[in-house]
N, C-alpha and C. Protein backbone atom coordinates (compact mmCIF):
# COMPACT_ATOMS: atom_id res chain seq x y z
N MET A 1 3.69 -31.69 18.00
CA MET A 1 3.09 -31.16 16.87
C MET A 1 4.32 -30.61 16.01
N SER A 2 4.53 -30.99 14.86
CA SER A 2 5.52 -30.53 14.02
C SER A 2 4.99 -29.49 13.07
N GLU A 3 5.98 -28.64 12.58
CA GLU A 3 5.61 -27.66 11.61
C GLU A 3 5.31 -28.20 10.24
N PRO A 4 4.42 -27.60 9.47
CA PRO A 4 4.19 -28.11 8.13
C PRO A 4 5.49 -27.90 7.23
N ARG A 5 5.58 -28.84 6.36
CA ARG A 5 6.69 -28.75 5.36
C ARG A 5 6.17 -28.42 3.94
N LEU A 6 6.99 -27.80 3.14
CA LEU A 6 6.53 -27.47 1.78
C LEU A 6 6.26 -28.69 0.96
N GLU A 7 6.99 -29.80 1.22
CA GLU A 7 6.84 -31.03 0.57
C GLU A 7 5.41 -31.63 0.76
N ASP A 8 4.79 -31.31 1.92
CA ASP A 8 3.50 -31.82 2.34
C ASP A 8 2.36 -31.12 1.71
N ILE A 9 2.60 -29.90 1.22
CA ILE A 9 1.56 -29.13 0.56
C ILE A 9 1.35 -29.63 -0.80
N SER A 10 0.05 -30.04 -1.10
CA SER A 10 -0.31 -30.68 -2.36
C SER A 10 -0.12 -29.85 -3.63
N ASP A 11 -0.39 -28.54 -3.56
CA ASP A 11 -0.33 -27.67 -4.61
C ASP A 11 0.67 -26.59 -4.45
N TYR A 12 1.82 -26.96 -3.97
CA TYR A 12 2.91 -25.98 -3.71
C TYR A 12 3.52 -25.36 -4.94
N ASN A 13 3.67 -26.11 -5.95
CA ASN A 13 4.33 -25.66 -7.20
C ASN A 13 3.28 -24.85 -8.10
N THR A 14 2.05 -25.20 -8.10
CA THR A 14 1.08 -24.56 -8.96
C THR A 14 -0.21 -24.39 -8.04
N LEU A 15 -0.79 -23.21 -8.21
CA LEU A 15 -2.11 -22.97 -7.67
C LEU A 15 -3.16 -23.36 -8.65
N LYS A 16 -4.15 -24.04 -8.11
CA LYS A 16 -5.21 -24.55 -9.01
C LYS A 16 -6.57 -24.34 -8.31
N GLY A 17 -7.58 -24.10 -9.15
CA GLY A 17 -8.94 -24.03 -8.69
C GLY A 17 -9.26 -22.84 -7.81
N GLY A 18 -9.86 -23.13 -6.68
CA GLY A 18 -10.30 -22.02 -5.88
C GLY A 18 -9.21 -21.11 -5.31
N LYS A 19 -8.08 -21.73 -4.93
CA LYS A 19 -6.97 -20.87 -4.39
C LYS A 19 -6.43 -19.96 -5.37
N ARG A 20 -6.40 -20.41 -6.60
CA ARG A 20 -5.86 -19.46 -7.68
C ARG A 20 -6.82 -18.30 -7.80
N LYS A 21 -8.12 -18.53 -7.82
CA LYS A 21 -9.13 -17.43 -7.95
C LYS A 21 -8.92 -16.52 -6.75
N VAL A 22 -8.79 -17.00 -5.54
CA VAL A 22 -8.64 -16.19 -4.36
C VAL A 22 -7.36 -15.27 -4.48
N VAL A 23 -6.28 -15.80 -4.89
CA VAL A 23 -5.12 -15.09 -4.95
C VAL A 23 -5.23 -13.88 -6.01
N TRP A 24 -5.76 -14.22 -7.15
CA TRP A 24 -6.01 -13.21 -8.17
C TRP A 24 -7.00 -12.18 -7.68
N THR A 25 -8.01 -12.59 -7.03
CA THR A 25 -9.05 -11.67 -6.48
C THR A 25 -8.35 -10.65 -5.52
N VAL A 26 -7.55 -11.22 -4.63
CA VAL A 26 -6.85 -10.28 -3.68
C VAL A 26 -5.90 -9.34 -4.37
N ILE A 27 -5.20 -9.79 -5.33
CA ILE A 27 -4.35 -8.99 -6.10
C ILE A 27 -5.02 -7.84 -6.80
N LEU A 28 -6.10 -8.21 -7.56
CA LEU A 28 -6.97 -7.24 -8.33
C LEU A 28 -7.58 -6.19 -7.38
N VAL A 29 -8.16 -6.67 -6.25
CA VAL A 29 -8.77 -5.80 -5.37
C VAL A 29 -7.78 -4.81 -4.71
N GLY A 30 -6.65 -5.30 -4.40
CA GLY A 30 -5.57 -4.40 -3.94
C GLY A 30 -5.17 -3.32 -4.94
N LEU A 31 -5.03 -3.75 -6.22
CA LEU A 31 -4.67 -2.83 -7.26
C LEU A 31 -5.83 -1.78 -7.50
N PHE A 32 -7.05 -2.20 -7.39
CA PHE A 32 -8.23 -1.39 -7.59
C PHE A 32 -8.27 -0.37 -6.52
N MET A 33 -8.04 -0.85 -5.25
CA MET A 33 -8.04 0.11 -4.09
C MET A 33 -6.93 1.15 -4.21
N GLY A 34 -5.79 0.81 -4.70
CA GLY A 34 -4.71 1.80 -4.90
C GLY A 34 -5.01 2.75 -5.86
N VAL A 35 -5.59 2.36 -7.00
CA VAL A 35 -6.00 3.25 -8.09
C VAL A 35 -7.11 4.18 -7.69
N LEU A 36 -8.07 3.69 -6.96
CA LEU A 36 -9.23 4.47 -6.34
C LEU A 36 -8.63 5.50 -5.34
N TYR A 37 -7.76 5.09 -4.52
CA TYR A 37 -7.18 5.97 -3.52
C TYR A 37 -6.45 7.19 -4.26
N MET A 38 -5.60 6.89 -5.28
CA MET A 38 -4.89 7.88 -5.95
C MET A 38 -5.82 8.87 -6.68
N ALA A 39 -6.92 8.28 -7.27
CA ALA A 39 -7.85 9.18 -7.91
C ALA A 39 -8.58 10.12 -7.03
N VAL A 40 -9.05 9.52 -5.88
CA VAL A 40 -9.72 10.36 -4.82
C VAL A 40 -8.74 11.37 -4.13
N TYR A 41 -7.52 10.98 -3.99
CA TYR A 41 -6.54 11.91 -3.35
C TYR A 41 -6.26 13.01 -4.26
N ASN A 42 -6.08 12.76 -5.64
CA ASN A 42 -5.78 13.81 -6.56
C ASN A 42 -6.97 14.70 -6.85
N LEU A 43 -8.19 14.19 -6.77
CA LEU A 43 -9.43 14.99 -6.94
C LEU A 43 -9.68 15.95 -5.83
N TYR A 44 -9.52 15.49 -4.58
CA TYR A 44 -9.92 16.20 -3.47
C TYR A 44 -8.66 16.94 -2.79
N ASP A 45 -7.48 16.73 -3.22
CA ASP A 45 -6.36 17.37 -2.63
C ASP A 45 -6.36 18.92 -2.97
N ASN A 46 -6.62 19.73 -1.99
CA ASN A 46 -6.78 21.12 -2.18
C ASN A 46 -5.40 21.89 -1.81
N LYS A 47 -4.57 22.15 -2.75
CA LYS A 47 -3.26 22.76 -2.52
C LYS A 47 -3.43 24.18 -2.26
N SER A 48 -4.50 24.81 -2.48
CA SER A 48 -4.66 26.27 -2.30
C SER A 48 -4.92 26.70 -0.89
N ASP A 49 -5.06 25.72 0.06
CA ASP A 49 -5.39 26.03 1.48
C ASP A 49 -4.10 25.88 2.27
N THR A 50 -2.90 25.95 1.75
CA THR A 50 -1.71 25.80 2.48
C THR A 50 -1.39 27.16 3.11
N ILE A 51 -0.74 27.12 4.26
CA ILE A 51 -0.39 28.33 4.98
C ILE A 51 1.13 28.64 4.78
N LYS A 52 1.50 29.78 4.23
CA LYS A 52 2.89 30.10 4.01
C LYS A 52 3.53 30.54 5.39
N ILE A 53 4.53 29.99 5.76
CA ILE A 53 5.23 30.28 7.06
C ILE A 53 6.57 30.95 6.70
N GLU A 54 6.78 31.99 7.21
CA GLU A 54 8.16 32.77 7.08
C GLU A 54 8.82 32.80 8.41
N ASP A 55 9.98 32.18 8.56
CA ASP A 55 10.67 32.09 9.77
C ASP A 55 11.75 33.20 9.80
N PRO A 56 11.57 34.17 10.67
CA PRO A 56 12.53 35.37 10.68
C PRO A 56 13.88 34.93 11.25
N ILE A 57 13.94 33.77 11.98
CA ILE A 57 15.26 33.38 12.51
C ILE A 57 15.92 32.46 11.50
N LYS A 58 17.11 32.90 10.97
CA LYS A 58 17.73 32.20 9.88
C LYS A 58 18.82 31.26 10.49
N ALA A 59 19.44 31.72 11.65
CA ALA A 59 20.39 30.85 12.26
C ALA A 59 20.30 31.14 13.83
N VAL A 60 20.60 30.06 14.57
CA VAL A 60 20.59 30.15 16.02
C VAL A 60 21.95 30.60 16.42
N PRO A 61 22.03 31.74 17.25
CA PRO A 61 23.36 32.26 17.66
C PRO A 61 23.98 31.33 18.65
N MET A 62 25.28 31.16 18.60
CA MET A 62 26.06 30.29 19.57
C MET A 62 26.21 31.16 20.84
N ARG A 63 26.26 30.55 21.98
CA ARG A 63 26.53 31.28 23.22
C ARG A 63 27.99 31.39 23.53
């Protein structure tokens, strides 16, 4: 069984019909999910609940 070649694919140079719709749907859904994630992250990101840590050790002494 040989591997498929690009020359054997009928619509290699241009996407037509159903394949074109699928590609654009995947791209648009991905962009929509990214925008939705950013909006939800910025809406519910609570920066006031951070814990301030003060480290009294500034340098580790050499032996």
